[in-house]
All heavy atoms as atom14 arrays in JSON, in Angstrom:
{
  "sequence": "GFGARHGHDIHMRRAIGRRRVDVELHWRIGDD",
  "atom14_mask": [
    [1, 1, 1, 1, 0, 0, 0, 0, 0, 0, 0, 0, 0, 0],
    [1, 1, 1, 1, 1, 1, 1, 1, 1, 1, 1, 0, 0, 0],
    [1, 1, 1, 1, 0, 0, 0, 0, 0, 0, 0, 0, 0, 0],
    [1, 1, 1, 1, 1, 0, 0, 0, 0, 0, 0, 0, 0, 0],
    [1, 1, 1, 1, 1, 1, 1, 1, 1, 1, 1, 0, 0, 0],
    [1, 1, 1, 1, 1, 1, 1, 1, 1, 1, 0, 0, 0, 0],
    [1, 1, 1, 1, 0, 0, 0, 0, 0, 0, 0, 0, 0, 0],
    [1, 1, 1, 1, 1, 1, 1, 1, 1, 1, 0, 0, 0, 0],
    [1, 1, 1, 1, 1, 1, 1, 1, 0, 0, 0, 0, 0, 0],
    [1, 1, 1, 1, 1, 1, 1, 1, 0, 0, 0, 0, 0, 0],
    [1, 1, 1, 1, 1, 1, 1, 1, 1, 1, 0, 0, 0, 0],
    [1, 1, 1, 1, 1, 1, 1, 1, 0, 0, 0, 0, 0, 0],
    [1, 1, 1, 1, 1, 1, 1, 1, 1, 1, 1, 0, 0, 0],
    [1, 1, 1, 1, 1, 1, 1, 1, 1, 1, 1, 0, 0, 0],
    [1, 1, 1, 1, 1, 0, 0, 0, 0, 0, 0, 0, 0, 0],
    [1, 1, 1, 1, 1, 1, 1, 1, 0, 0, 0, 0, 0, 0],
    [1, 1, 1, 1, 0, 0, 0, 0, 0, 0, 0, 0, 0, 0],
    [1, 1, 1, 1, 1, 1, 1, 1, 1, 1, 1, 0, 0, 0],
    [1, 1, 1, 1, 1, 1, 1, 1, 1, 1, 1, 0, 0, 0],
    [1, 1, 1, 1, 1, 1, 1, 1, 1, 1, 1, 0, 0, 0],
    [1, 1, 1, 1, 1, 1, 1, 0, 0, 0, 0, 0, 0, 0],
    [1, 1, 1, 1, 1, 1, 1, 1, 0, 0, 0, 0, 0, 0],
    [1, 1, 1, 1, 1, 1, 1, 0, 0, 0, 0, 0, 0, 0],
    [1, 1, 1, 1, 1, 1, 1, 1, 1, 0, 0, 0, 0, 0],
    [1, 1, 1, 1, 1, 1, 1, 1, 0, 0, 0, 0, 0, 0],
    [1, 1, 1, 1, 1, 1, 1, 1, 1, 1, 0, 0, 0, 0],
    [1, 1, 1, 1, 1, 1, 1, 1, 1, 1, 1, 1, 1, 1],
    [1, 1, 1, 1, 1, 1, 1, 1, 1, 1, 1, 0, 0, 0],
    [1, 1, 1, 1, 1, 1, 1, 1, 0, 0, 0, 0, 0, 0],
    [1, 1, 1, 1, 0, 0, 0, 0, 0, 0, 0, 0, 0, 0],
    [1, 1, 1, 1, 1, 1, 1, 1, 0, 0, 0, 0, 0, 0],
    [1, 1, 1, 1, 1, 1, 1, 1, 0, 0, 0, 0, 0, 0]
  ],
  "atom14_positions": [
    [[-85.89, 128.95, 184.16], [-85.44, 129.46, 182.88], [-86.54, 129.93, 181.93], [-86.26, 130.51, 180.89], [0.0, 0.0, 0.0], [0.0, 0.0, 0.0], [0.0, 0.0, 0.0], [0.0, 0.0, 0.0], [0.0, 0.0, 0.0], [0.0, 0.0, 0.0], [0.0, 0.0, 0.0], [0.0, 0.0, 0.0], [0.0, 0.0, 0.0], [0.0, 0.0, 0.0]],
    [[-87.8, 129.69, 182.29], [-88.89, 130.04, 181.38], [-88.95, 131.54, 181.1], [-89.05, 131.96, 179.95], [-90.24, 129.56, 181.94], [-91.4, 129.84, 181.02], [-91.71, 128.96, 180.01], [-92.15, 131.0, 181.14], [-92.76, 129.21, 179.14], [-93.19, 131.27, 180.28], [-93.5, 130.37, 179.27], [0.0, 0.0, 0.0], [0.0, 0.0, 0.0], [0.0, 0.0, 0.0]],
    [[-88.89, 132.35, 182.14], [-88.99, 133.8, 181.97], [-87.89, 134.36, 181.1], [-88.11, 135.22, 180.26], [0.0, 0.0, 0.0], [0.0, 0.0, 0.0], [0.0, 0.0, 0.0], [0.0, 0.0, 0.0], [0.0, 0.0, 0.0], [0.0, 0.0, 0.0], [0.0, 0.0, 0.0], [0.0, 0.0, 0.0], [0.0, 0.0, 0.0], [0.0, 0.0, 0.0]],
    [[-86.68, 133.85, 181.28], [-85.54, 134.35, 180.51], [-85.62, 133.92, 179.05], [-85.2, 134.65, 178.16], [-84.23, 133.87, 181.12], [0.0, 0.0, 0.0], [0.0, 0.0, 0.0], [0.0, 0.0, 0.0], [0.0, 0.0, 0.0], [0.0, 0.0, 0.0], [0.0, 0.0, 0.0], [0.0, 0.0, 0.0], [0.0, 0.0, 0.0], [0.0, 0.0, 0.0]],
    [[-86.15, 132.72, 178.8], [-86.19, 132.22, 177.43], [-87.46, 132.59, 176.67], [-87.42, 132.87, 175.48], [-86.02, 130.71, 177.42], [-84.59, 130.27, 177.61], [-84.37, 128.8, 177.29], [-85.08, 127.89, 178.17], [-84.66, 127.52, 179.38], [-83.54, 127.99, 179.85], [-85.36, 126.68, 180.11], [0.0, 0.0, 0.0], [0.0, 0.0, 0.0], [0.0, 0.0, 0.0]],
    [[-88.61, 132.56, 177.34], [-89.88, 132.71, 176.64], [-90.7, 133.91, 177.09], [-91.64, 134.3, 176.41], [-90.74, 131.44, 176.81], [-90.02, 130.2, 176.41], [-89.7, 129.92, 175.11], [-89.54, 129.17, 177.15], [-89.07, 128.76, 175.06], [-88.95, 128.29, 176.27], [0.0, 0.0, 0.0], [0.0, 0.0, 0.0], [0.0, 0.0, 0.0], [0.0, 0.0, 0.0]],
    [[-90.39, 134.45, 178.22], [-91.17, 135.58, 178.74], [-90.5, 136.89, 178.43], [-90.06, 137.13, 177.32], [0.0, 0.0, 0.0], [0.0, 0.0, 0.0], [0.0, 0.0, 0.0], [0.0, 0.0, 0.0], [0.0, 0.0, 0.0], [0.0, 0.0, 0.0], [0.0, 0.0, 0.0], [0.0, 0.0, 0.0], [0.0, 0.0, 0.0], [0.0, 0.0, 0.0]],
    [[-90.38, 137.73, 179.45], [-89.75, 139.03, 179.26], [-88.94, 139.49, 180.46], [-88.39, 140.57, 180.45], [-90.81, 140.08, 178.92], [-91.75, 140.38, 180.04], [-92.8, 139.56, 180.37], [-91.8, 141.4, 180.92], [-93.45, 140.07, 181.4], [-92.86, 141.17, 181.76], [0.0, 0.0, 0.0], [0.0, 0.0, 0.0], [0.0, 0.0, 0.0], [0.0, 0.0, 0.0]],
    [[-88.86, 138.63, 181.5], [-88.12, 139.07, 182.68], [-87.68, 137.9, 183.54], [-88.13, 136.77, 183.36], [-88.95, 140.03, 183.53], [-90.17, 139.37, 184.16], [-90.02, 138.35, 184.86], [-91.29, 139.87, 183.96], [0.0, 0.0, 0.0], [0.0, 0.0, 0.0], [0.0, 0.0, 0.0], [0.0, 0.0, 0.0], [0.0, 0.0, 0.0], [0.0, 0.0, 0.0]],
    [[-86.77, 138.23, 184.45], [-86.41, 137.33, 185.55], [-86.86, 138.04, 186.81], [-86.5, 139.2, 187.04], [-84.9, 137.05, 185.6], [-84.46, 136.26, 184.36], [-84.54, 136.29, 186.87], [-82.97, 136.01, 184.3], [0.0, 0.0, 0.0], [0.0, 0.0, 0.0], [0.0, 0.0, 0.0], [0.0, 0.0, 0.0], [0.0, 0.0, 0.0], [0.0, 0.0, 0.0]],
    [[-87.64, 137.37, 187.62], [-88.21, 137.96, 188.84], [-87.3, 137.58, 190.0], [-87.07, 136.4, 190.27], [-89.62, 137.39, 189.04], [-90.38, 138.05, 190.12], [-91.73, 138.24, 190.06], [-90.0, 138.57, 191.32], [-92.16, 138.84, 191.15], [-91.12, 139.04, 191.93], [0.0, 0.0, 0.0], [0.0, 0.0, 0.0], [0.0, 0.0, 0.0], [0.0, 0.0, 0.0]],
    [[-86.82, 138.6, 190.73], [-85.96, 138.39, 191.9], [-86.66, 138.96, 193.13], [-87.4, 139.94, 193.04], [-84.62, 139.1, 191.69], [-83.87, 138.69, 190.43], [-83.22, 137.01, 190.46], [-81.9, 137.17, 191.66], [0.0, 0.0, 0.0], [0.0, 0.0, 0.0], [0.0, 0.0, 0.0], [0.0, 0.0, 0.0], [0.0, 0.0, 0.0], [0.0, 0.0, 0.0]],
    [[-86.39, 138.33, 194.29], [-87.05, 138.76, 195.53], [-86.07, 138.65, 196.7], [-85.29, 137.71, 196.79], [-88.26, 137.88, 195.8], [-89.0, 138.21, 197.08], [-90.25, 137.38, 197.23], [-91.21, 137.77, 196.22], [-92.16, 136.97, 195.71], [-92.26, 135.73, 196.12], [-93.0, 137.4, 194.8], [0.0, 0.0, 0.0], [0.0, 0.0, 0.0], [0.0, 0.0, 0.0]],
    [[-86.2, 139.63, 197.6], [-85.39, 139.63, 198.81], [-86.28, 139.97, 199.99], [-87.05, 140.94, 199.94], [-84.28, 140.66, 198.68], [-83.42, 140.78, 199.92], [-82.33, 141.8, 199.69], [-81.67, 142.05, 200.96], [-80.87, 143.05, 201.18], [-80.6, 143.91, 200.22], [-80.31, 143.22, 202.35], [0.0, 0.0, 0.0], [0.0, 0.0, 0.0], [0.0, 0.0, 0.0]],
    [[-86.17, 139.21, 201.06], [-86.92, 139.5, 202.28], [-86.18, 140.55, 203.08], [-84.96, 140.49, 203.23], [-87.1, 138.24, 203.1], [0.0, 0.0, 0.0], [0.0, 0.0, 0.0], [0.0, 0.0, 0.0], [0.0, 0.0, 0.0], [0.0, 0.0, 0.0], [0.0, 0.0, 0.0], [0.0, 0.0, 0.0], [0.0, 0.0, 0.0], [0.0, 0.0, 0.0]],
    [[-86.93, 141.53, 203.57], [-86.39, 142.55, 204.46], [-87.36, 142.63, 205.62], [-88.43, 143.23, 205.51], [-86.24, 143.92, 203.75], [-85.28, 143.79, 202.58], [-85.77, 144.98, 204.74], [-85.09, 145.05, 201.78], [0.0, 0.0, 0.0], [0.0, 0.0, 0.0], [0.0, 0.0, 0.0], [0.0, 0.0, 0.0], [0.0, 0.0, 0.0], [0.0, 0.0, 0.0]],
    [[-87.0, 142.0, 206.72], [-87.94, 141.89, 207.84], [-89.15, 141.08, 207.42], [-89.02, 140.01, 206.84], [0.0, 0.0, 0.0], [0.0, 0.0, 0.0], [0.0, 0.0, 0.0], [0.0, 0.0, 0.0], [0.0, 0.0, 0.0], [0.0, 0.0, 0.0], [0.0, 0.0, 0.0], [0.0, 0.0, 0.0], [0.0, 0.0, 0.0], [0.0, 0.0, 0.0]],
    [[-90.33, 141.62, 207.7], [-91.57, 140.93, 207.31], [-92.0, 141.28, 205.88], [-92.97, 140.74, 205.38], [-92.7, 141.31, 208.26], [-92.56, 140.65, 209.61], [-93.9, 140.69, 210.29], [-93.77, 141.42, 211.54], [-94.77, 141.94, 212.2], [-95.99, 141.88, 211.71], [-94.58, 142.55, 213.34], [0.0, 0.0, 0.0], [0.0, 0.0, 0.0], [0.0, 0.0, 0.0]],
    [[-91.3, 142.2, 205.29], [-91.65, 142.64, 203.93], [-90.7, 142.02, 202.92], [-89.71, 141.39, 203.28], [-91.61, 144.16, 203.84], [-92.63, 144.79, 204.74], [-92.61, 146.27, 204.61], [-93.54, 146.84, 205.56], [-94.63, 147.48, 205.23], [-94.94, 147.64, 203.97], [-95.42, 147.99, 206.14], [0.0, 0.0, 0.0], [0.0, 0.0, 0.0], [0.0, 0.0, 0.0]],
    [[-91.01, 142.26, 201.66], [-90.13, 141.78, 200.62], [-89.95, 142.87, 199.56], [-90.79, 143.75, 199.41], [-90.68, 140.51, 199.98], [-91.96, 140.76, 199.23], [-92.47, 139.5, 198.59], [-93.38, 139.87, 197.53], [-94.48, 139.23, 197.24], [-94.8, 138.16, 197.9], [-95.24, 139.62, 196.25], [0.0, 0.0, 0.0], [0.0, 0.0, 0.0], [0.0, 0.0, 0.0]],
    [[-88.85, 142.78, 198.87], [-88.56, 143.68, 197.77], [-88.47, 142.82, 196.52], [-87.72, 141.84, 196.49], [-87.24, 144.45, 198.0], [-86.9, 145.3, 196.79], [-87.33, 145.29, 199.25], [0.0, 0.0, 0.0], [0.0, 0.0, 0.0], [0.0, 0.0, 0.0], [0.0, 0.0, 0.0], [0.0, 0.0, 0.0], [0.0, 0.0, 0.0], [0.0, 0.0, 0.0]],
    [[-89.26, 143.17, 195.51], [-89.26, 142.43, 194.26], [-88.63, 143.3, 193.17], [-88.96, 144.48, 193.04], [-90.69, 142.08, 193.85], [-91.29, 141.01, 194.75], [-91.7, 141.33, 195.89], [-91.35, 139.86, 194.31], [0.0, 0.0, 0.0], [0.0, 0.0, 0.0], [0.0, 0.0, 0.0], [0.0, 0.0, 0.0], [0.0, 0.0, 0.0], [0.0, 0.0, 0.0]],
    [[-87.76, 142.69, 192.4], [-87.12, 143.36, 191.27], [-87.32, 142.45, 190.06], [-87.07, 141.24, 190.13], [-85.61, 143.59, 191.51], [-84.94, 144.17, 190.27], [-85.39, 144.48, 192.72], [0.0, 0.0, 0.0], [0.0, 0.0, 0.0], [0.0, 0.0, 0.0], [0.0, 0.0, 0.0], [0.0, 0.0, 0.0], [0.0, 0.0, 0.0], [0.0, 0.0, 0.0]],
    [[-87.8, 143.04, 188.98], [-87.92, 142.29, 187.73], [-86.87, 142.81, 186.77], [-86.82, 144.01, 186.46], [-89.32, 142.45, 187.12], [-90.38, 141.73, 187.91], [-91.76, 141.81, 187.27], [-91.94, 142.58, 186.3], [-92.65, 141.11, 187.76], [0.0, 0.0, 0.0], [0.0, 0.0, 0.0], [0.0, 0.0, 0.0], [0.0, 0.0, 0.0], [0.0, 0.0, 0.0]],
    [[-86.04, 141.91, 186.31], [-85.01, 142.23, 185.32], [-85.6, 141.93, 183.95], [-85.72, 140.78, 183.55], [-83.76, 141.39, 185.57], [-83.11, 141.58, 186.94], [-82.03, 140.54, 187.17], [-82.55, 142.99, 187.07], [0.0, 0.0, 0.0], [0.0, 0.0, 0.0], [0.0, 0.0, 0.0], [0.0, 0.0, 0.0], [0.0, 0.0, 0.0], [0.0, 0.0, 0.0]],
    [[-85.99, 142.98, 183.26], [-86.63, 142.83, 181.95], [-85.58, 142.85, 180.84], [-84.7, 143.69, 180.84], [-87.62, 143.98, 181.7], [-88.84, 143.91, 182.54], [-90.03, 143.44, 182.06], [-89.05, 144.23, 183.83], [-90.94, 143.48, 183.01], [-90.37, 143.96, 184.11], [0.0, 0.0, 0.0], [0.0, 0.0, 0.0], [0.0, 0.0, 0.0], [0.0, 0.0, 0.0]],
    [[-85.75, 141.96, 179.91], [-84.92, 142.03, 178.7], [-85.74, 142.52, 177.52], [-85.21, 142.84, 176.47], [-84.25, 140.7, 178.4], [-85.17, 139.53, 178.26], [-85.62, 138.72, 179.27], [-85.76, 139.04, 177.06], [-86.46, 137.75, 178.76], [-86.55, 137.92, 177.4], [-85.69, 139.42, 175.72], [-87.27, 137.21, 176.47], [-86.4, 138.7, 174.8], [-87.17, 137.6, 175.17]],
    [[-87.05, 142.61, 177.7], [-87.94, 143.29, 176.75], [-89.17, 143.74, 177.53], [-89.43, 143.27, 178.62], [-88.31, 142.44, 175.56], [-89.3, 141.33, 175.83], [-89.69, 140.64, 174.54], [-90.47, 139.46, 174.82], [-90.58, 138.43, 174.02], [-89.95, 138.43, 172.87], [-91.33, 137.4, 174.36], [0.0, 0.0, 0.0], [0.0, 0.0, 0.0], [0.0, 0.0, 0.0]],
    [[-89.91, 144.65, 176.93], [-91.09, 145.2, 177.6], [-92.27, 144.31, 177.27], [-92.76, 144.3, 176.14], [-91.36, 146.65, 177.13], [-90.13, 147.5, 177.43], [-92.6, 147.21, 177.81], [-90.11, 148.79, 176.68], [0.0, 0.0, 0.0], [0.0, 0.0, 0.0], [0.0, 0.0, 0.0], [0.0, 0.0, 0.0], [0.0, 0.0, 0.0], [0.0, 0.0, 0.0]],
    [[-92.7, 143.51, 178.2], [-93.85, 142.64, 178.02], [-93.53, 141.34, 177.31], [-92.5, 141.2, 176.66], [0.0, 0.0, 0.0], [0.0, 0.0, 0.0], [0.0, 0.0, 0.0], [0.0, 0.0, 0.0], [0.0, 0.0, 0.0], [0.0, 0.0, 0.0], [0.0, 0.0, 0.0], [0.0, 0.0, 0.0], [0.0, 0.0, 0.0], [0.0, 0.0, 0.0]],
    [[-94.41, 140.37, 177.47], [-94.23, 139.07, 176.82], [-94.38, 139.15, 175.31], [-93.79, 138.38, 174.58], [-95.25, 138.05, 177.36], [-94.89, 137.56, 178.75], [-93.71, 137.67, 179.14], [-95.79, 137.06, 179.45], [0.0, 0.0, 0.0], [0.0, 0.0, 0.0], [0.0, 0.0, 0.0], [0.0, 0.0, 0.0], [0.0, 0.0, 0.0], [0.0, 0.0, 0.0]],
    [[-95.19, 140.07, 174.84], [-95.43, 140.22, 173.41], [-94.15, 140.71, 172.73], [-93.49, 141.63, 173.2], [-96.56, 141.22, 173.18], [-97.09, 141.2, 171.76], [-96.27, 141.31, 170.83], [-98.31, 141.08, 171.6], [0.0, 0.0, 0.0], [0.0, 0.0, 0.0], [0.0, 0.0, 0.0], [0.0, 0.0, 0.0], [0.0, 0.0, 0.0], [0.0, 0.0, 0.0]]
  ]
}
């Protein structure tokens, strides 16, 4: 819950074979 409450995003990841796909759900641009 830290990213959603105090940061700026929730980081999501999915494995596809040996690789991964990362998606960041931002609710604001940057921590500032």
